[in-house]
Amino acid sequence: MANGGERENDSVQYFFGLHSGRIGSLEKKLAIYRNRIPDDFFPIGTDSFGNLLLMATGNESHGKIYFWDHEQESEPPTLKNISLIETSFAAFIASLSAQR
């Protein structure tokens, strides 16, 4: 993951899924974070510390993967607590495999 622009080893606790279960439901996470993350992002997973993995949906950053630091959260949401991890989901998954 990113830390002040530098890469740091971390782990993905889990990716959110398309189900109605209590834990890890993408639909429920979208509702929880709707007003806490900028509009051009949606949550795809979490780490062990409550930070989020986000996928960008905006025109210039579409499909890029970002790290959202919950300890730096602000109201209204800004980009100050969001760092680029990878330029695509495929590159992100490949980077997870490379860390093993």
C-alpha atoms as a PDB file:
ATOM      1  CA  MET A   1       0.000   0.000   0.000  1.00  0.00           C
ATOM      2  CA  ALA A   2       1.019   3.619  -0.094  1.00  0.00           C
ATOM      3  CA  ASN A   3       2.307   5.721   2.743  1.00  0.00           C
ATOM      4  CA  GLY A   4       3.064   9.339   1.936  1.00  0.00           C
ATOM      5  CA  GLY A   5       3.839   8.433  -1.666  1.00  0.00           C
ATOM      6  CA  GLU A   6       6.058   5.495  -0.731  1.00  0.00           C
ATOM      7  CA  ARG A   7       5.151   1.845  -1.080  1.00  0.00           C
ATOM      8  CA  GLU A   8       4.801  -0.161   2.051  1.00  0.00           C
ATOM      9  CA  ASN A   9       3.997  -3.820   2.574  1.00  0.00           C
ATOM     10  CA  ASP A  10       0.477  -4.377   3.763  1.00  0.00           C
ATOM     11  CA  SER A  11      -2.237  -6.878   3.135  1.00  0.00           C
ATOM     12  CA  VAL A  12      -5.763  -7.022   1.860  1.00  0.00           C
ATOM     13  CA  GLN A  13      -8.057  -8.352   4.548  1.00  0.00           C
ATOM     14  CA  TYR A  14     -10.812  -9.043   2.018  1.00  0.00           C
ATOM     15  CA  PHE A  15     -12.487  -7.793  -1.128  1.00  0.00           C
ATOM     16  CA  PHE A  16     -16.123  -6.789  -0.982  1.00  0.00           C
ATOM     17  CA  GLY A  17     -18.535  -9.167  -2.685  1.00  0.00           C
ATOM     18  CA  LEU A  18     -21.851  -9.162  -4.466  1.00  0.00           C
ATOM     19  CA  HIS A  19     -23.939 -10.739  -1.732  1.00  0.00           C
ATOM     20  CA  SER A  20     -26.335  -9.640   0.984  1.00  0.00           C
ATOM     21  CA  GLY A  21     -24.329 -10.988   3.907  1.00  0.00           C
ATOM     22  CA  ARG A  22     -23.489  -8.975   6.978  1.00  0.00           C
ATOM     23  CA  ILE A  23     -19.729  -8.774   6.366  1.00  0.00           C
ATOM     24  CA  GLY A  24     -18.110  -7.696   3.129  1.00  0.00           C
ATOM     25  CA  SER A  25     -21.217  -6.819   1.137  1.00  0.00           C
ATOM     26  CA  LEU A  26     -20.369  -4.306  -1.601  1.00  0.00           C
ATOM     27  CA  GLU A  27     -23.899  -2.899  -1.450  1.00  0.00           C
ATOM     28  CA  LYS A  28     -23.625  -2.287   2.301  1.00  0.00           C
ATOM     29  CA  LYS A  29     -20.147  -0.762   2.003  1.00  0.00           C
ATOM     30  CA  LEU A  30     -21.374   1.599  -0.731  1.00  0.00           C
ATOM     31  CA  ALA A  31     -24.126   2.792   1.615  1.00  0.00           C
ATOM     32  CA  ILE A  32     -21.734   3.215   4.562  1.00  0.00           C
ATOM     33  CA  TYR A  33     -19.079   5.150   2.640  1.00  0.00           C
ATOM     34  CA  ARG A  34     -21.326   7.091   0.223  1.00  0.00           C
ATOM     35  CA  ASN A  35     -20.677  10.443   1.927  1.00  0.00           C
ATOM     36  CA  ARG A  36     -17.227   9.583   3.270  1.00  0.00           C
ATOM     37  CA  ILE A  37     -15.271   9.050   0.033  1.00  0.00           C
ATOM     38  CA  PRO A  38     -15.201  11.315  -3.046  1.00  0.00           C
ATOM     39  CA  ASP A  39     -17.900  10.674  -5.655  1.00  0.00           C
ATOM     40  CA  ASP A  40     -15.501   9.370  -8.332  1.00  0.00           C
ATOM     41  CA  PHE A  41     -14.505   6.340  -6.233  1.00  0.00           C
ATOM     42  CA  PHE A  42     -16.108   3.196  -4.877  1.00  0.00           C
ATOM     43  CA  PRO A  43     -14.785   0.789  -2.227  1.00  0.00           C
ATOM     44  CA  ILE A  44     -13.604  -2.639  -3.389  1.00  0.00           C
ATOM     45  CA  GLY A  45     -11.869  -3.986  -0.282  1.00  0.00           C
ATOM     46  CA  THR A  46     -10.313  -3.305   3.089  1.00  0.00           C
ATOM     47  CA  ASP A  47      -7.077  -3.897   4.949  1.00  0.00           C
ATOM     48  CA  SER A  48      -6.735  -5.123   8.538  1.00  0.00           C
ATOM     49  CA  PHE A  49      -6.795  -1.581   9.912  1.00  0.00           C
ATOM     50  CA  GLY A  50     -10.092  -0.312   8.453  1.00  0.00           C
ATOM     51  CA  ASN A  51      -8.577   1.490   5.489  1.00  0.00           C
ATOM     52  CA  LEU A  52     -10.176   1.008   2.087  1.00  0.00           C
ATOM     53  CA  LEU A  53      -9.102  -0.019  -1.353  1.00  0.00           C
ATOM     54  CA  LEU A  54     -10.909   2.174  -3.858  1.00  0.00           C
ATOM     55  CA  MET A  55     -11.439   1.938  -7.582  1.00  0.00           C
ATOM     56  CA  ALA A  56     -11.710   5.217  -9.457  1.00  0.00           C
ATOM     57  CA  THR A  57     -14.618   5.816 -11.816  1.00  0.00           C
ATOM     58  CA  GLY A  58     -13.740   9.315 -13.054  1.00  0.00           C
ATOM     59  CA  ASN A  59     -12.718   9.910 -16.670  1.00  0.00           C
ATOM     60  CA  GLU A  60      -9.005  10.539 -16.102  1.00  0.00           C
ATOM     61  CA  SER A  61      -8.465   7.938 -13.403  1.00  0.00           C
ATOM     62  CA  HIS A  62     -11.033   5.298 -14.433  1.00  0.00           C
ATOM     63  CA  GLY A  63     -10.060   1.832 -13.190  1.00  0.00           C
ATOM     64  CA  LYS A  64      -7.063   2.917 -11.117  1.00  0.00           C
ATOM     65  CA  ILE A  65      -6.746   1.492  -7.602  1.00  0.00           C
ATOM     66  CA  TYR A  66      -6.262   3.767  -4.599  1.00  0.00           C
ATOM     67  CA  PHE A  67      -5.641   3.481  -0.863  1.00  0.00           C
ATOM     68  CA  TRP A  68      -7.996   5.442   1.447  1.00  0.00           C
ATOM     69  CA  ASP A  69      -6.558   6.202   4.893  1.00  0.00           C
ATOM     70  CA  HIS A  70      -9.435   6.353   7.383  1.00  0.00           C
ATOM     71  CA  GLU A  71      -7.278   8.129   9.979  1.00  0.00           C
ATOM     72  CA  GLN A  72      -6.938  11.123   7.640  1.00  0.00           C
ATOM     73  CA  GLU A  73     -10.643  11.251   6.725  1.00  0.00           C
ATOM     74  CA  SER A  74     -12.171  14.707   6.385  1.00  0.00           C
ATOM     75  CA  GLU A  75     -15.621  16.181   5.952  1.00  0.00           C
ATOM     76  CA  PRO A  76     -16.467  16.818   3.204  1.00  0.00           C
ATOM     77  CA  PRO A  77     -14.394  14.069   1.546  1.00  0.00           C
ATOM     78  CA  THR A  78     -11.205  15.208  -0.198  1.00  0.00           C
ATOM     79  CA  LEU A  79      -8.314  13.548  -2.026  1.00  0.00           C
ATOM     80  CA  LYS A  80      -5.876  14.316   0.814  1.00  0.00           C
ATOM     81  CA  ASN A  81      -6.200  10.844   2.341  1.00  0.00           C
ATOM     82  CA  ILE A  82      -6.195   8.943  -0.960  1.00  0.00           C
ATOM     83  CA  SER A  83      -3.030   7.556  -2.607  1.00  0.00           C
ATOM     84  CA  LEU A  84      -2.578   5.801  -5.925  1.00  0.00           C
ATOM     85  CA  ILE A  85      -1.603   2.143  -5.578  1.00  0.00           C
ATOM     86  CA  GLU A  86      -1.788   0.833  -9.159  1.00  0.00           C
ATOM     87  CA  THR A  87      -2.961   1.970 -12.585  1.00  0.00           C
ATOM     88  CA  SER A  88      -5.331  -0.979 -13.056  1.00  0.00           C
ATOM     89  CA  PHE A  89      -7.008  -3.772 -11.132  1.00  0.00           C
ATOM     90  CA  ALA A  90      -4.952  -6.363 -13.032  1.00  0.00           C
ATOM     91  CA  ALA A  91      -1.701  -4.603 -12.055  1.00  0.00           C
ATOM     92  CA  PHE A  92      -2.898  -4.444  -8.449  1.00  0.00           C
ATOM     93  CA  ILE A  93      -3.609  -8.190  -8.325  1.00  0.00           C
ATOM     94  CA  ALA A  94      -0.224  -8.885  -9.927  1.00  0.00           C
ATOM     95  CA  SER A  95       1.470  -6.733  -7.266  1.00  0.00           C
ATOM     96  CA  LEU A  96      -0.202  -8.774  -4.523  1.00  0.00           C
ATOM     97  CA  SER A  97       1.170 -11.969  -6.052  1.00  0.00           C
ATOM     98  CA  ALA A  98       4.651 -10.422  -6.311  1.00  0.00           C
ATOM     99  CA  GLN A  99       4.715  -9.632  -2.577  1.00  0.00           C
ATOM    100  CA  ARG A 100       4.482 -13.307  -1.589  1.00  0.00           C
END
